[in-house]
Amino acid sequence: MDIRLSYPSNAAVVVAGLPGSGKSTLLSAWSPAAEVVDPRATRTAYESRLPDWLPYAAYRPWARLAHMRWTRARMGLGHPLLIHDCGSRTWMRRWLAYTAGRGGRPLHMVVLDVGPREALSGQHARRRLASPRVFGIHQRGLARLLARIARDGLPAGQGIASMVLIDRHQRDRGAASVDFDDRPGRARPAPSSDGTSP
């Protein structure tokens, strides 16, 4: 079943999933519809100014802070946004929801739910490997979120208006598309193939 997502023109949509799940590829396909906010852009900017021998861990906090400042600035504008994030960290989801709310935007999530084995395969294919520790943190955090939503629905008070899951087969077929209409209001995400649409 294809997924056709339609959001308000002022929406911010977080494209989430494990490292290697295909977020960047999906965002590239969706980029004609909205501006993409990707933390890799901030990391690349830092890497270009710093010596090669300096590990990313040494300047990760500053790169993350710069990315959050950039995200907050883009949230203050009126056009739609697509945001690259693993979605596994509670504090980051809450910060995104708070920042979107301050900008008068609804926040939505699209989760690439492809499983850890497929995500690890994607990392090797792209030659961008997360450490086992980092991957484990994201895996556990995302698993807790999805289990809680399956049990209780969207978490109250976290400001997420809707969530749609995209599985590996839908991702590989390019079965998901997105558009942003001109009328602020309620988003109309189509359900995933198993009918999941919180």
Protein backbone atom coordinates (compact mmCIF):
# COMPACT_ATOMS: atom_id res chain seq x y z
CA MET A 1 0.00 0.00 0.00
CA ASP A 2 1.36 3.41 -0.96
CA ILE A 3 1.53 6.20 1.60
CA ARG A 4 0.61 9.70 0.51
CA LEU A 5 1.23 12.23 3.27
CA SER A 6 -0.32 15.69 3.18
CA TYR A 7 0.62 18.24 5.84
CA PRO A 8 -0.18 21.92 6.44
CA SER A 9 2.15 24.40 4.79
CA ASN A 10 3.53 25.44 8.19
CA ALA A 11 4.26 21.90 9.42
CA ALA A 12 7.57 20.55 10.64
CA VAL A 13 7.99 16.85 9.92
CA VAL A 14 10.66 14.80 11.68
CA VAL A 15 11.93 11.91 9.55
CA ALA A 16 13.21 9.42 12.13
CA GLY A 17 14.73 5.96 12.29
CA LEU A 18 17.86 4.08 13.26
CA PRO A 19 21.22 5.11 11.77
CA GLY A 20 21.36 3.42 8.37
CA SER A 21 17.59 3.08 7.97
CA GLY A 22 17.48 5.36 4.92
CA LYS A 23 16.48 8.74 6.37
CA SER A 24 18.88 10.71 4.17
CA THR A 25 17.73 8.92 1.02
CA LEU A 26 14.08 9.55 1.85
CA LEU A 27 14.75 13.19 2.69
CA SER A 28 16.59 13.63 -0.61
CA ALA A 29 13.53 12.29 -2.45
CA TRP A 30 11.21 14.56 -0.47
CA SER A 31 13.43 17.67 -0.58
CA PRO A 32 11.54 19.33 -3.50
CA ALA A 33 8.54 19.60 -1.17
CA ALA A 34 10.26 21.36 1.76
CA GLU A 35 13.55 22.57 3.20
CA VAL A 36 15.59 19.81 4.86
CA VAL A 37 17.32 20.44 8.20
CA ASP A 38 20.05 17.82 8.55
CA PRO A 39 22.65 17.71 11.38
CA ARG A 40 25.21 16.33 8.94
CA ALA A 41 25.39 19.77 7.33
CA THR A 42 26.52 21.28 10.63
CA ARG A 43 28.99 18.46 11.23
CA THR A 44 30.45 18.88 7.72
CA ALA A 45 30.85 22.62 8.29
CA TYR A 46 32.81 21.95 11.50
CA GLU A 47 34.93 19.26 9.86
CA SER A 48 35.92 21.65 7.08
CA ARG A 49 37.31 24.15 9.61
CA LEU A 50 39.04 21.74 12.02
CA PRO A 51 42.15 19.55 11.63
CA ASP A 52 41.59 16.02 10.32
CA TRP A 53 43.20 14.45 13.37
CA LEU A 54 40.59 15.89 15.76
CA PRO A 55 37.87 13.27 16.42
CA TYR A 56 34.24 14.23 16.07
CA ALA A 57 33.63 13.36 19.73
CA ALA A 58 35.85 16.30 20.71
CA TYR A 59 33.54 18.88 19.15
CA ARG A 60 30.22 17.00 19.06
CA PRO A 61 28.59 19.21 21.77
CA TRP A 62 29.35 22.39 19.81
CA ALA A 63 28.18 20.87 16.53
CA ARG A 64 24.97 19.72 18.20
CA LEU A 65 24.39 23.14 19.73
CA ALA A 66 24.96 24.80 16.34
CA HIS A 67 22.48 22.39 14.75
CA MET A 68 19.85 23.16 17.39
CA ARG A 69 20.34 26.90 16.88
CA TRP A 70 19.95 26.42 13.14
CA THR A 71 16.82 24.32 13.65
CA ARG A 72 15.32 26.92 15.97
CA ALA A 73 16.01 29.67 13.44
CA ARG A 74 14.36 27.72 10.62
CA MET A 75 11.38 26.92 12.85
CA GLY A 76 10.79 30.65 13.15
CA LEU A 77 10.14 30.95 9.42
CA GLY A 78 6.87 30.19 7.70
CA HIS A 79 7.75 27.53 5.17
CA PRO A 80 7.49 23.74 5.73
CA LEU A 81 10.43 21.82 7.15
CA LEU A 82 11.69 18.25 6.98
CA ILE A 83 13.96 17.45 9.94
CA HIS A 84 16.50 14.62 10.04
CA ASP A 85 16.63 13.01 13.50
CA CYS A 86 16.81 9.47 14.87
CA GLY A 87 13.75 10.17 17.04
CA SER A 88 15.09 7.98 19.83
CA ARG A 89 15.90 10.68 22.40
CA THR A 90 13.01 11.85 24.56
CA TRP A 91 14.64 15.18 25.36
CA MET A 92 15.20 15.94 21.66
CA ARG A 93 11.62 15.09 20.71
CA ARG A 94 10.37 17.37 23.47
CA TRP A 95 12.72 20.16 22.41
CA LEU A 96 11.58 19.88 18.80
CA ALA A 97 7.93 19.94 19.86
CA TYR A 98 8.54 22.96 22.12
CA THR A 99 10.45 24.82 19.41
CA ALA A 100 7.82 24.02 16.80
CA GLY A 101 5.08 25.19 19.16
CA ARG A 102 6.87 28.48 19.80
CA GLY A 103 7.02 28.96 16.04
CA GLY A 104 3.30 28.27 15.71
CA ARG A 105 3.91 24.98 13.89
CA PRO A 106 2.46 21.50 14.25
CA LEU A 107 5.10 18.78 14.64
CA HIS A 108 4.69 15.39 12.96
CA MET A 109 6.87 12.29 12.76
CA VAL A 110 7.56 9.77 10.01
CA VAL A 111 9.51 6.76 11.29
CA LEU A 112 11.45 4.39 9.06
CA ASP A 113 10.75 1.18 10.95
CA VAL A 114 13.11 -1.20 9.14
CA GLY A 115 14.63 -3.14 12.05
CA PRO A 116 18.20 -3.15 13.39
CA ARG A 117 19.58 -5.73 10.94
CA GLU A 118 18.47 -3.72 7.91
CA ALA A 119 19.76 -0.50 9.48
CA LEU A 120 23.19 -2.03 10.10
CA SER A 121 23.25 -3.25 6.49
CA GLY A 122 22.44 0.30 5.38
CA GLN A 123 25.33 1.68 7.43
CA HIS A 124 27.79 -0.66 5.75
CA ALA A 125 26.38 0.10 2.30
CA ARG A 126 26.79 3.85 2.89
CA ARG A 127 30.12 3.45 4.73
CA ARG A 128 28.81 5.54 7.61
CA LEU A 129 29.13 3.39 10.70
CA ALA A 130 27.72 4.31 14.09
CA SER A 131 29.58 2.84 17.03
CA PRO A 132 27.90 -0.16 18.69
CA ARG A 133 27.30 1.94 21.80
CA VAL A 134 25.60 4.77 19.89
CA PHE A 135 23.60 2.37 17.74
CA GLY A 136 22.45 0.52 20.86
CA ILE A 137 21.30 3.75 22.50
CA HIS A 138 19.24 4.69 19.45
CA GLN A 139 17.87 1.16 19.08
CA ARG A 140 16.66 0.99 22.68
CA GLY A 141 15.24 4.52 22.65
CA LEU A 142 13.29 4.02 19.43
CA ALA A 143 12.05 0.59 20.53
CA ARG A 144 10.70 2.09 23.77
CA LEU A 145 8.93 4.87 21.87
CA LEU A 146 7.29 2.53 19.36
CA ALA A 147 6.28 0.04 22.07
CA ARG A 148 4.69 2.79 24.15
CA ILE A 149 2.81 4.19 21.16
CA ALA A 150 1.58 0.73 20.15
CA ARG A 151 0.28 0.28 23.70
CA ASP A 152 -0.97 3.74 24.66
CA GLY A 153 -1.05 5.88 21.50
CA LEU A 154 0.95 9.05 20.97
CA PRO A 155 2.57 10.26 24.20
CA ALA A 156 0.50 13.01 25.76
CA GLY A 157 2.26 16.26 26.38
CA GLN A 158 5.10 15.67 23.91
CA GLY A 159 3.52 17.77 21.17
CA ILE A 160 3.63 15.22 18.33
CA ALA A 161 0.49 15.65 16.23
CA SER A 162 0.82 12.42 14.23
CA MET A 163 3.16 9.54 13.52
CA VAL A 164 3.38 7.30 10.45
CA LEU A 165 5.55 4.19 10.17
CA ILE A 166 7.22 3.25 6.88
CA ASP A 167 8.54 -0.29 6.62
CA ARG A 168 11.44 -1.59 4.54
CA HIS A 169 9.29 -2.72 1.61
CA GLN A 170 7.53 0.64 1.33
CA ARG A 171 10.87 2.42 1.56
CA ASP A 172 12.47 0.27 -1.12
CA ARG A 173 9.51 0.71 -3.50
CA GLY A 174 9.50 4.47 -3.03
CA ALA A 175 5.89 4.04 -1.96
CA ALA A 176 5.80 7.12 0.30
CA SER A 177 5.34 10.68 -0.93
CA VAL A 178 4.75 13.96 0.84
CA ASP A 179 3.20 17.33 0.08
CA PHE A 180 2.41 20.51 2.01
CA ASP A 181 -0.79 22.34 1.13
CA ASP A 182 -1.41 26.09 1.41
CA ARG A 183 -3.89 25.97 4.26
CA PRO A 184 -2.61 25.63 7.83
CA GLY A 185 -4.67 23.05 9.64
CA ARG A 186 -4.82 19.36 10.36
CA ALA A 187 -2.45 17.00 8.58
CA ARG A 188 -3.86 14.03 6.72
CA PRO A 189 -1.29 11.24 6.98
CA ALA A 190 -2.40 8.05 5.26
CA PRO A 191 -1.99 4.86 7.33
CA SER A 192 0.87 2.45 6.90
CA SER A 193 0.28 -0.91 5.27
CA ASP A 194 -0.69 -2.50 8.58
CA GLY A 195 -3.17 0.26 9.30
CA THR A 196 -1.06 1.95 11.97
CA SER A 197 -1.92 5.62 12.21
CA PRO A 198 -1.98 6.88 15.80
